[in-house]
Amino acid sequence: MNPAHLAFVALGLIWGTNFIFMKWASADISAAQIVFLRTLFGFLPILALALLRGEVKWRHLRHAPHFLAMSLMATVVYYYAFAKGASLLPSSVAGMLSGAIPLLSFVVAWVFLRQERPTARMVAGIVIGLAGILIIAQPWNAHSADVNLTGVLYMVAGSLSVGCSFVYARRHLSHLDLTPLALSTWQIGFALVTISCVTDFHGMTRIADDTRAALGLVLGLGLTGTGVAYILYYLIVGRLGAIAASSVTYIPPVVALVLGVAIGHEPLRPLHLIAMAAILAGVCLLQNRSNAKPTAASQA
């Protein structure tokens, strides 16, 4: 099999495991502590690769305000919101909601960039995808014990934060002479500094008492889920293109659902399957549209 296709499958599997790792870690430490450790252990392989390839230069610091903005939107807020969401929801549900990332990213890109008028197909994709989110959230059933609405809102907030980062990158970073690896190194490095300043480290060592959670956080979320995942993503974009790379978002919701049921012993509800199908169908409609003409979101 082509190395790029192997990387595609591996990336989908890696991202799909993130939710159960966050769920395990949330039993011992806070969401901010999860983000700090994930960012720390994800930053190390990214920095090592960037230094090895000589892609990080001190002159890049003239773009520090952009690095800071991206670190907040695409790392700190995004990771924190997902960690909080995963702590309040079954990992399978959190993973299914993550399938809405490209959907919400497209909405944000269209609202702020407006580079093309929405077609009936695009509108249908947005409506169907948002309907899937509503089916999971069930705001009309506030007393339901199935899903925590606050957790759903955290997941949506994280997805919107990533969507805003795409728009920001499109407007302010696309013209800069920076490789994706260099940009991500600075972005995650700035994020590590930021989260270090706002994290209460008291009690963080509790994670060491739970071997499963500690390994999942350090190796699963940090080294693999952040560091290796970025490297794989660069390989996929370089070999297959940005639009093909964005299709990897179909895999994590399915992986998260399988792991949540098989390992986390979480209930499998038909309504959740319908919701996931709706979210992925909405994304599929937008992706098919993108194959004809790349949208602002896919270009970002």
Protein backbone atom coordinates (compact mmCIF):
# COMPACT_ATOMS: atom_id res chain seq x y z
CA MET A 1 0.00 0.00 0.00
CA ASN A 2 1.13 3.56 -0.75
CA PRO A 3 2.81 5.15 2.33
CA ALA A 4 0.45 8.12 2.07
CA HIS A 5 -2.56 5.82 2.26
CA LEU A 6 -1.07 4.02 5.24
CA ALA A 7 -0.55 7.41 6.90
CA PHE A 8 -4.17 8.30 6.09
CA VAL A 9 -5.50 5.22 7.87
CA ALA A 10 -3.06 5.62 10.77
CA LEU A 11 -4.04 9.26 11.30
CA GLY A 12 -7.74 8.42 11.39
CA LEU A 13 -7.11 5.66 13.93
CA ILE A 14 -4.91 7.92 16.07
CA TRP A 15 -7.42 10.76 16.16
CA GLY A 16 -10.21 8.30 16.89
CA THR A 17 -8.48 7.02 20.03
CA ASN A 18 -8.04 10.52 21.49
CA PHE A 19 -11.48 10.62 23.07
CA ILE A 20 -11.20 7.55 25.24
CA PHE A 21 -7.73 8.71 26.35
CA MET A 22 -9.18 12.08 27.36
CA LYS A 23 -12.01 10.31 29.18
CA TRP A 24 -9.57 8.19 31.19
CA ALA A 25 -7.35 11.14 32.09
CA SER A 26 -10.31 13.32 33.14
CA ALA A 27 -10.97 10.96 36.06
CA ASP A 28 -7.68 12.00 37.68
CA ILE A 29 -6.74 15.50 36.52
CA SER A 30 -8.38 18.69 35.25
CA ALA A 31 -8.95 19.61 31.61
CA ALA A 32 -6.24 22.29 31.77
CA GLN A 33 -3.76 19.74 33.09
CA ILE A 34 -4.70 17.35 30.30
CA VAL A 35 -4.06 20.09 27.74
CA PHE A 36 -0.70 20.99 29.32
CA LEU A 37 0.60 17.41 29.30
CA ARG A 38 -0.79 16.69 25.85
CA THR A 39 0.81 19.85 24.44
CA LEU A 40 4.12 19.20 26.20
CA PHE A 41 4.56 15.64 24.93
CA GLY A 42 3.18 16.54 21.50
CA PHE A 43 5.57 19.48 21.16
CA LEU A 44 8.72 17.40 21.68
CA PRO A 45 8.61 15.31 18.45
CA ILE A 46 7.42 18.30 16.41
CA LEU A 47 10.29 20.44 17.69
CA ALA A 48 12.82 17.65 17.13
CA LEU A 49 11.72 17.16 13.52
CA ALA A 50 11.64 20.90 12.82
CA LEU A 51 15.16 21.36 14.20
CA LEU A 52 16.42 18.32 12.32
CA ARG A 53 15.09 19.75 9.05
CA GLY A 54 16.22 23.28 9.89
CA GLU A 55 12.74 24.73 9.37
CA VAL A 56 12.56 26.86 12.55
CA LYS A 57 14.29 30.25 12.36
CA TRP A 58 14.55 33.01 14.96
CA ARG A 59 13.43 35.52 12.33
CA HIS A 60 10.03 33.83 12.34
CA LEU A 61 9.33 35.53 15.67
CA ARG A 62 8.35 38.70 13.83
CA HIS A 63 5.10 36.82 13.23
CA ALA A 64 4.65 36.17 16.96
CA PRO A 65 1.17 37.80 17.19
CA HIS A 66 -0.11 35.39 14.52
CA PHE A 67 1.51 32.42 16.27
CA LEU A 68 -0.18 33.45 19.52
CA ALA A 69 -3.59 33.78 17.86
CA MET A 70 -3.27 30.40 16.18
CA SER A 71 -2.02 28.77 19.39
CA LEU A 72 -5.15 29.93 21.18
CA MET A 73 -7.69 28.99 18.52
CA ALA A 74 -6.14 25.81 17.11
CA THR A 75 -4.55 24.36 20.24
CA VAL A 76 -5.38 25.81 23.69
CA VAL A 77 -9.11 26.52 23.30
CA TYR A 78 -9.64 23.58 20.95
CA TYR A 79 -7.89 21.05 23.20
CA TYR A 80 -9.44 22.45 26.39
CA ALA A 81 -12.99 22.42 25.01
CA PHE A 82 -12.59 18.84 23.76
CA ALA A 83 -11.06 17.72 27.07
CA LYS A 84 -13.99 19.24 28.97
CA GLY A 85 -16.49 17.77 26.54
CA ALA A 86 -14.92 14.32 26.78
CA SER A 87 -15.04 14.50 30.59
CA LEU A 88 -18.79 15.18 30.53
CA LEU A 89 -19.81 12.84 27.71
CA PRO A 90 -19.28 9.19 26.81
CA SER A 91 -16.14 9.03 24.68
CA SER A 92 -18.18 7.55 21.83
CA VAL A 93 -20.54 10.55 21.81
CA ALA A 94 -17.66 13.04 22.01
CA GLY A 95 -16.00 11.27 19.09
CA MET A 96 -19.17 11.37 17.02
CA LEU A 97 -19.50 15.11 17.63
CA SER A 98 -15.94 15.62 16.43
CA GLY A 99 -17.15 14.56 13.01
CA ALA A 100 -18.77 17.99 12.77
CA ILE A 101 -15.39 19.78 12.70
CA PRO A 102 -15.24 20.13 8.87
CA LEU A 103 -18.94 21.03 8.83
CA LEU A 104 -18.62 23.87 11.33
CA SER A 105 -15.31 24.93 9.80
CA PHE A 106 -17.03 25.36 6.46
CA VAL A 107 -19.78 27.47 8.04
CA VAL A 108 -17.24 29.76 9.71
CA ALA A 109 -15.21 30.05 6.50
CA TRP A 110 -18.30 30.94 4.47
CA VAL A 111 -19.53 33.53 6.98
CA PHE A 112 -16.21 35.36 7.20
CA LEU A 113 -14.61 34.76 3.79
CA ARG A 114 -17.66 34.58 1.50
CA GLN A 115 -15.65 33.52 -1.52
CA GLU A 116 -18.56 31.71 -3.15
CA ARG A 117 -22.30 31.66 -2.85
CA PRO A 118 -23.74 28.57 -1.14
CA THR A 119 -25.46 26.09 -3.45
CA ALA A 120 -28.48 23.99 -2.59
CA ARG A 121 -26.16 21.01 -2.06
CA MET A 122 -24.01 22.96 0.39
CA VAL A 123 -27.03 24.23 2.33
CA ALA A 124 -28.42 20.70 2.50
CA GLY A 125 -25.11 19.43 3.86
CA ILE A 126 -25.04 22.09 6.57
CA VAL A 127 -28.66 21.49 7.58
CA ILE A 128 -28.28 17.70 7.70
CA GLY A 129 -25.04 17.93 9.67
CA LEU A 130 -26.45 20.39 12.20
CA ALA A 131 -29.51 18.16 12.55
CA GLY A 132 -27.16 15.34 13.57
CA ILE A 133 -25.66 17.54 16.29
CA LEU A 134 -29.14 18.44 17.56
CA ILE A 135 -30.14 14.77 17.65
CA ILE A 136 -27.21 14.06 19.95
CA ALA A 137 -27.67 17.18 22.10
CA GLN A 138 -31.48 16.81 22.44
CA PRO A 139 -31.96 20.36 23.78
CA TRP A 140 -35.72 19.74 23.88
CA ASN A 141 -35.11 17.04 26.50
CA ALA A 142 -33.11 18.93 29.13
CA HIS A 143 -33.67 16.29 31.81
CA SER A 144 -32.35 13.42 29.72
CA ALA A 145 -29.56 11.44 31.38
CA ASP A 146 -28.25 10.15 28.05
CA VAL A 147 -26.19 13.19 27.04
CA ASN A 148 -24.84 16.16 28.98
CA LEU A 149 -25.81 19.31 27.06
CA THR A 150 -22.89 21.25 28.54
CA GLY A 151 -20.53 18.61 27.19
CA VAL A 152 -22.07 18.94 23.74
CA LEU A 153 -21.63 22.71 23.86
CA TYR A 154 -17.97 22.29 24.77
CA MET A 155 -17.47 20.00 21.78
CA VAL A 156 -19.20 22.49 19.48
CA ALA A 157 -17.12 25.34 20.93
CA GLY A 158 -13.93 23.40 20.23
CA SER A 159 -15.01 22.75 16.65
CA LEU A 160 -15.86 26.43 16.15
CA SER A 161 -12.48 27.43 17.54
CA VAL A 162 -10.75 25.26 14.94
CA GLY A 163 -13.01 26.72 12.25
CA CYS A 164 -12.02 30.24 13.26
CA SER A 165 -8.36 29.23 13.10
CA PHE A 166 -8.83 28.16 9.48
CA VAL A 167 -10.22 31.57 8.59
CA TYR A 168 -7.44 33.34 10.48
CA ALA A 169 -4.78 31.23 8.76
CA ARG A 170 -6.33 31.93 5.39
CA ARG A 171 -6.32 35.68 5.96
CA HIS A 172 -3.06 36.19 7.81
CA LEU A 173 -0.75 33.20 7.31
CA SER A 174 -1.31 31.88 3.80
CA HIS A 175 0.98 34.52 2.28
CA LEU A 176 3.84 33.98 4.73
CA ASP A 177 6.94 32.04 3.76
CA LEU A 178 6.46 29.38 6.45
CA THR A 179 6.25 25.63 6.05
CA PRO A 180 3.39 23.83 7.83
CA LEU A 181 5.95 22.17 10.11
CA ALA A 182 7.49 25.51 11.11
CA LEU A 183 4.08 27.07 11.71
CA SER A 184 2.93 24.14 13.84
CA THR A 185 6.15 24.16 15.86
CA TRP A 186 5.67 27.82 16.76
CA GLN A 187 1.93 27.35 17.28
CA ILE A 188 2.30 24.45 19.71
CA GLY A 189 5.29 26.09 21.39
CA PHE A 190 3.29 29.26 22.07
CA ALA A 191 0.37 27.12 23.23
CA LEU A 192 2.63 25.34 25.71
CA VAL A 193 3.73 28.67 27.18
CA THR A 194 0.15 29.94 27.36
CA ILE A 195 -1.33 26.85 28.99
CA SER A 196 1.60 26.78 31.44
CA CYS A 197 0.63 30.26 32.63
CA VAL A 198 -3.02 29.42 33.35
CA THR A 199 -2.84 25.83 34.62
CA ASP A 200 -3.12 24.95 38.27
CA PHE A 201 -0.60 22.12 38.60
CA HIS A 202 -1.78 21.08 42.05
CA GLY A 203 -2.72 17.39 42.03
CA MET A 204 -1.45 16.74 38.50
CA THR A 205 0.77 13.92 39.74
CA ARG A 206 -2.37 11.87 40.46
CA ILE A 207 -2.28 10.76 36.85
CA ALA A 208 0.86 8.70 37.66
CA ASP A 209 -1.21 6.49 39.96
CA ASP A 210 -3.34 5.33 37.02
CA THR A 211 -1.01 3.59 34.57
CA ARG A 212 -3.66 3.22 31.89
CA ALA A 213 -4.60 6.91 31.99
CA ALA A 214 -0.96 8.05 32.20
CA LEU A 215 0.12 6.03 29.17
CA GLY A 216 -2.96 7.09 27.25
CA LEU A 217 -2.24 10.74 27.96
CA VAL A 218 1.52 10.78 27.37
CA LEU A 219 1.75 8.31 24.49
CA GLY A 220 -1.78 8.44 23.06
CA LEU A 221 -2.75 12.10 23.33
CA GLY A 222 0.68 13.71 23.44
CA LEU A 223 3.40 11.87 21.55
CA THR A 224 1.08 10.13 19.07
CA GLY A 225 -2.18 12.09 19.05
CA THR A 226 -0.47 15.47 18.70
CA GLY A 227 3.16 15.05 17.63
CA VAL A 228 3.00 12.05 15.28
CA ALA A 229 -0.46 13.10 14.05
CA TYR A 230 0.87 16.44 12.77
CA ILE A 231 3.75 14.71 10.99
CA LEU A 232 1.38 12.21 9.35
CA TYR A 233 -0.93 15.03 8.30
CA TYR A 234 1.95 16.82 6.52
CA LEU A 235 2.76 13.62 4.67
CA ILE A 236 -0.86 13.18 3.56
CA VAL A 237 -1.24 16.79 2.43
CA GLY A 238 2.02 16.61 0.51
CA ARG A 239 1.24 13.30 -1.20
CA LEU A 240 -2.55 13.35 -1.59
CA GLY A 241 -3.52 17.03 -1.34
CA ALA A 242 -5.46 19.09 1.21
CA ILE A 243 -8.94 17.99 0.12
CA ALA A 244 -8.07 14.29 0.33
CA ALA A 245 -6.40 14.90 3.69
CA SER A 246 -9.54 16.54 5.06
CA SER A 247 -11.46 13.34 4.33
CA VAL A 248 -9.60 11.64 7.19
CA THR A 249 -12.20 13.23 9.50
CA TYR A 250 -14.61 10.44 8.50
CA ILE A 251 -12.56 7.86 10.41
CA PRO A 252 -12.26 9.19 14.01
CA PRO A 253 -16.01 9.21 14.85
CA VAL A 254 -16.30 5.54 13.86
CA VAL A 255 -13.13 4.58 15.77
CA ALA A 256 -14.29 6.52 18.85
CA LEU A 257 -17.68 4.80 18.73
CA VAL A 258 -16.15 1.31 18.45
CA LEU A 259 -13.64 1.93 21.26
CA GLY A 260 -16.26 3.52 23.50
CA VAL A 261 -18.53 0.51 23.18
CA ALA A 262 -15.86 -2.22 23.17
CA ILE A 263 -13.42 -0.86 25.75
CA GLY A 264 -15.38 1.78 27.64
CA HIS A 265 -18.51 -0.39 27.80
CA GLU A 266 -20.62 2.60 26.81
CA PRO A 267 -24.19 2.06 25.61
CA LEU A 268 -24.81 1.97 21.87
CA ARG A 269 -28.05 3.81 21.09
CA PRO A 270 -29.73 3.73 17.67
CA LEU A 271 -30.39 7.48 17.92
CA HIS A 272 -26.66 8.15 18.20
CA LEU A 273 -25.98 6.08 15.09
CA ILE A 274 -28.58 8.09 13.20
CA ALA A 275 -26.97 11.32 14.43
CA MET A 276 -23.48 10.21 13.37
CA ALA A 277 -24.80 9.20 9.94
CA ALA A 278 -26.39 12.64 9.57
CA ILE A 279 -23.18 14.46 10.54
CA LEU A 280 -21.04 12.41 8.16
CA ALA A 281 -23.61 12.77 5.38
CA GLY A 282 -23.54 16.54 5.80
CA VAL A 283 -19.75 16.55 5.64
CA CYS A 284 -19.86 14.26 2.59
CA LEU A 285 -22.10 16.70 0.72
CA LEU A 286 -19.68 19.53 1.43
CA GLN A 287 -16.64 17.42 0.57
CA ASN A 288 -18.12 16.37 -2.76
CA ARG A 289 -18.76 20.00 -3.50
CA SER A 290 -15.15 20.75 -2.58
CA ASN A 291 -13.90 18.16 -5.07
CA ALA A 292 -15.34 20.25 -7.85
CA LYS A 293 -14.00 23.56 -6.53
CA PRO A 294 -11.85 23.90 -3.40
CA THR A 295 -13.56 26.03 -0.80
CA ALA A 296 -11.97 28.52 1.54
CA ALA A 297 -12.11 26.01 4.36
CA SER A 298 -10.32 23.27 2.45
CA GLN A 299 -7.71 25.71 1.16
CA ALA A 300 -7.05 26.98 4.68
